[in-house]
């Protein structure tokens, strides 16, 4: 009986081990250097760039390449208006948001990252929008933002860049197909990898065997 119980415990432990999370990072690097400007709490208040979620999971880090400042910012992720990427970003509801990133002066293009203070589960294959916003925040001067060549660096998603000059950030004034904004999103997925799935199946086989022997 003890042996059977131990085998069952081993099987259950295998199931829990298989549920370990894995991280995946989308990086649209600044391959054309300083490009978009100015980003702050006046003039251009939001820059947003589309990306396709590679996995179903939770956003754990947001980052952007910046130069200039200082101006306070927040990084956010939006869904699409009406659920259609062609309609642009929907800033009325932020799915993910960081805390306030205090203004700093950056003499060179520098990667600035932030951890979300509120997050959500994104769905693999769906289009979302990485956004940097100065809406309602303090500023002395604005930033340049790094530029990324569309569909470069192994990321082929036909991403687009949108911007908002609205004081409330709820409407977008325009967009461009290329270049895109240079940013990075890290997601943690709880979906088991193929080897983890195999481990789960092995655990189930052990449990089934114990059950048959006890029947």
Protein backbone atom coordinates (compact mmCIF):
# COMPACT_ATOMS: atom_id res chain seq x y z
CA UNK A 1 0.00 0.00 0.00
CA UNK A 2 2.81 2.37 0.93
CA UNK A 3 4.55 1.65 -2.35
CA UNK A 4 1.39 2.38 -4.32
CA UNK A 5 0.86 5.60 -2.40
CA UNK A 6 4.45 6.67 -3.11
CA UNK A 7 3.97 6.01 -6.80
CA UNK A 8 0.82 8.09 -6.81
CA UNK A 9 2.62 10.96 -5.05
CA UNK A 10 5.41 10.74 -7.63
CA UNK A 11 2.89 10.96 -10.44
CA UNK A 12 1.19 14.01 -8.92
CA UNK A 13 4.58 15.66 -8.44
CA UNK A 14 5.27 15.04 -12.11
CA UNK A 15 2.08 16.88 -13.01
CA UNK A 16 3.07 19.92 -10.94
CA UNK A 17 6.58 19.92 -12.42
CA UNK A 18 5.09 20.04 -15.89
CA UNK A 19 3.16 23.21 -15.09
CA UNK A 20 6.31 25.32 -14.84
CA UNK A 21 6.16 28.64 -16.69
CA UNK A 22 8.37 29.60 -19.61
CA UNK A 23 9.20 33.13 -20.80
CA UNK A 24 9.21 34.48 -24.33
CA UNK A 25 10.42 37.94 -25.35
CA UNK A 26 9.40 39.97 -28.40
CA UNK A 27 12.21 42.36 -29.31
CA UNK A 28 11.84 45.01 -31.98
CA UNK A 29 15.35 46.42 -31.77
CA UNK A 30 16.34 50.01 -32.74
CA UNK A 31 18.04 49.03 -35.99
CA UNK A 32 17.72 52.57 -37.40
CA UNK A 33 18.64 54.45 -34.21
CA UNK A 34 16.84 57.58 -32.95
CA UNK A 35 13.77 58.17 -35.02
CA UNK A 36 10.42 59.10 -33.53
CA UNK A 37 10.13 62.38 -31.60
CA UNK A 38 8.88 64.07 -29.47
CA UNK A 39 7.13 61.95 -26.81
CA UNK A 40 5.96 63.62 -23.60
CA UNK A 41 2.93 65.14 -21.88
CA UNK A 42 2.32 67.77 -24.56
CA UNK A 43 2.39 67.60 -28.34
CA UNK A 44 2.67 63.88 -29.04
CA UNK A 45 1.38 62.14 -25.92
CA UNK A 46 1.19 58.48 -26.98
CA UNK A 47 3.20 56.31 -29.31
CA UNK A 48 1.79 52.83 -29.95
CA UNK A 49 3.11 49.95 -32.02
CA UNK A 50 1.43 46.66 -32.86
CA UNK A 51 2.70 43.16 -32.14
CA UNK A 52 1.32 39.65 -32.26
CA UNK A 53 1.39 37.71 -28.99
CA UNK A 54 3.62 34.65 -29.56
CA UNK A 55 2.16 32.68 -26.64
CA UNK A 56 -0.83 32.81 -24.34
CA UNK A 57 0.50 34.25 -21.14
CA UNK A 58 1.02 37.17 -18.78
CA UNK A 59 3.18 40.20 -19.52
CA UNK A 60 6.01 40.46 -16.99
CA UNK A 61 8.18 43.24 -18.46
CA UNK A 62 7.84 46.16 -20.86
CA UNK A 63 10.71 48.13 -22.35
CA UNK A 64 11.47 50.92 -24.81
CA UNK A 65 14.55 52.57 -26.31
CA UNK A 66 14.58 56.29 -25.44
CA UNK A 67 16.81 59.33 -25.85
CA UNK A 68 16.36 62.84 -24.41
CA UNK A 69 13.90 63.75 -21.65
CA UNK A 70 13.29 64.22 -18.84
CA UNK A 71 9.59 63.39 -18.91
CA UNK A 72 7.52 60.97 -16.88
CA UNK A 73 6.07 58.06 -18.84
CA UNK A 74 4.03 54.92 -18.45
CA UNK A 75 4.28 51.80 -20.61
CA UNK A 76 1.00 50.09 -21.45
CA UNK A 77 -0.55 47.44 -23.69
CA UNK A 78 -3.85 48.04 -25.47
CA UNK A 79 -6.21 45.90 -27.47
CA UNK A 80 -7.47 46.94 -30.91
CA UNK A 81 -10.52 49.11 -31.59
CA UNK A 82 -13.44 46.79 -32.26
CA UNK A 83 -11.02 43.89 -31.99
CA UNK A 84 -9.58 44.68 -35.43
CA UNK A 85 -5.89 45.57 -35.74
CA UNK A 86 -6.61 47.70 -38.82
CA UNK A 87 -8.70 50.03 -36.64
CA UNK A 88 -5.71 50.87 -34.46
CA UNK A 89 -5.06 50.87 -30.71
CA UNK A 90 -7.84 51.23 -28.16
CA UNK A 91 -6.39 53.35 -25.37
CA UNK A 92 -9.69 53.58 -23.48
CA UNK A 93 -8.80 50.39 -21.61
CA UNK A 94 -5.20 49.48 -20.79
CA UNK A 95 -4.78 45.72 -20.53
CA UNK A 96 -1.33 46.10 -18.99
CA UNK A 97 0.23 49.15 -17.36
CA UNK A 98 3.50 49.93 -15.62
CA UNK A 99 4.02 52.34 -12.76
CA UNK A 100 5.23 55.85 -13.52
CA UNK A 101 8.72 55.82 -15.00
CA UNK A 102 10.31 58.92 -13.51
CA UNK A 103 11.75 61.40 -15.98
CA UNK A 104 15.42 61.02 -16.77
CA UNK A 105 17.88 62.61 -19.16
CA UNK A 106 19.39 60.14 -21.62
CA UNK A 107 22.21 61.42 -23.80
CA UNK A 108 22.23 58.26 -25.95
CA UNK A 109 19.54 55.85 -27.05
CA UNK A 110 18.99 53.73 -23.94
CA UNK A 111 16.80 50.75 -23.14
CA UNK A 112 14.39 51.58 -20.30
CA UNK A 113 12.28 48.79 -18.81
CA UNK A 114 9.45 48.56 -16.31
CA UNK A 115 7.50 45.86 -14.51
CA UNK A 116 3.71 45.99 -14.84
CA UNK A 117 1.72 47.02 -11.77
CA UNK A 118 -1.36 45.54 -13.41
CA UNK A 119 -1.30 42.84 -16.04
CA UNK A 120 -3.53 40.55 -18.06
CA UNK A 121 -3.35 37.33 -20.02
CA UNK A 122 -2.74 37.91 -23.71
CA UNK A 123 -3.84 35.34 -26.28
CA UNK A 124 -1.40 33.78 -28.73
CA UNK A 125 -1.89 34.94 -32.32
CA UNK A 126 -3.85 38.07 -31.44
CA UNK A 127 -2.65 41.62 -32.19
CA UNK A 128 -1.96 44.01 -29.32
CA UNK A 129 -0.35 47.44 -29.00
CA UNK A 130 2.71 48.40 -26.97
CA UNK A 131 2.24 52.03 -25.89
CA UNK A 132 4.37 54.68 -24.23
CA UNK A 133 2.23 57.46 -22.78
CA UNK A 134 2.77 60.79 -21.07
CA UNK A 135 -0.95 61.53 -20.68
CA UNK A 136 -1.55 63.30 -17.36
CA UNK A 137 2.08 63.02 -16.30
CA UNK A 138 4.73 65.67 -15.66
CA UNK A 139 7.37 66.71 -18.16
CA UNK A 140 10.17 69.18 -18.77
CA UNK A 141 11.19 67.99 -22.19
CA UNK A 142 10.32 65.12 -24.52
CA UNK A 143 12.01 61.97 -25.80
CA UNK A 144 13.17 60.56 -29.08
CA UNK A 145 12.16 56.92 -29.48
CA UNK A 146 14.19 54.26 -31.26
CA UNK A 147 13.03 53.10 -34.70
CA UNK A 148 12.65 49.52 -35.93
CA UNK A 149 12.43 48.50 -39.59
CA UNK A 150 9.12 46.78 -40.27
CA UNK A 151 9.35 42.96 -40.43
CA UNK A 152 13.05 42.92 -39.57
CA UNK A 153 14.93 40.92 -36.96
CA UNK A 154 12.99 37.74 -37.65
CA UNK A 155 9.65 39.30 -36.60
CA UNK A 156 7.23 39.29 -39.53
CA UNK A 157 3.95 40.75 -38.28
CA UNK A 158 3.42 43.76 -40.59
CA UNK A 159 3.38 45.94 -37.48
CA UNK A 160 2.26 49.56 -37.62
CA UNK A 161 3.08 52.65 -35.61
CA UNK A 162 0.33 55.03 -34.38
CA UNK A 163 0.51 58.31 -32.44
CA UNK A 164 -1.85 60.48 -30.43
CA UNK A 165 -1.66 64.25 -29.91
CA UNK A 166 -4.91 64.28 -27.90
CA UNK A 167 -4.69 65.56 -24.33
CA UNK A 168 -6.73 62.60 -23.10
CA UNK A 169 -4.99 60.11 -25.41
CA UNK A 170 -8.29 58.64 -26.58
CA UNK A 171 -7.95 59.42 -30.28
CA UNK A 172 -5.06 58.81 -32.65
CA UNK A 173 -3.96 61.35 -35.24
CA UNK A 174 -2.09 59.14 -37.63
CA UNK A 175 -0.01 56.11 -38.35
CA UNK A 176 2.90 54.87 -40.41
CA UNK A 177 3.74 51.47 -41.82
CA UNK A 178 7.47 51.85 -41.35
CA UNK A 179 9.53 52.33 -39.39
CA UNK A 180 8.04 50.89 -36.26
CA UNK A 181 8.84 51.84 -32.68
CA UNK A 182 11.65 49.91 -31.01
CA UNK A 183 10.33 48.11 -27.93
CA UNK A 184 10.38 44.84 -26.02
CA UNK A 185 7.68 42.74 -24.35
CA UNK A 186 8.34 39.72 -22.15
CA UNK A 187 5.53 37.23 -21.57
CA UNK A 188 5.39 34.27 -19.20
CA UNK A 189 3.38 31.31 -20.41
CA UNK A 190 2.02 28.53 -18.21
CA UNK A 191 1.32 26.36 -21.26
CA UNK A 192 3.52 23.23 -21.01
CA UNK A 193 6.18 22.65 -23.63
CA UNK A 194 6.09 19.31 -25.56
CA UNK A 195 8.51 17.71 -23.13
CA UNK A 196 6.32 18.81 -20.23
CA UNK A 197 3.27 17.30 -21.88
CA UNK A 198 5.16 14.01 -22.15
CA UNK A 199 5.91 14.23 -18.44
CA UNK A 200 2.23 14.75 -17.66
CA UNK A 201 1.28 11.69 -19.71
CA UNK A 202 3.89 9.59 -17.94
CA UNK A 203 2.46 10.69 -14.59
CA UNK A 204 -1.05 9.74 -15.66
CA UNK A 205 0.12 6.29 -16.73
CA UNK A 206 1.59 5.71 -13.27
CA UNK A 207 -1.63 6.85 -11.56
CA UNK A 208 -3.70 4.59 -13.81
CA UNK A 209 -1.46 1.63 -13.02
CA UNK A 210 -1.79 2.19 -9.28
CA UNK A 211 -5.57 2.43 -9.60
CA UNK A 212 -5.78 -0.86 -11.55
CA UNK A 213 -3.67 -2.75 -9.03
CA UNK A 214 -5.79 -1.49 -6.14
CA UNK A 215 -9.09 -2.35 -7.88
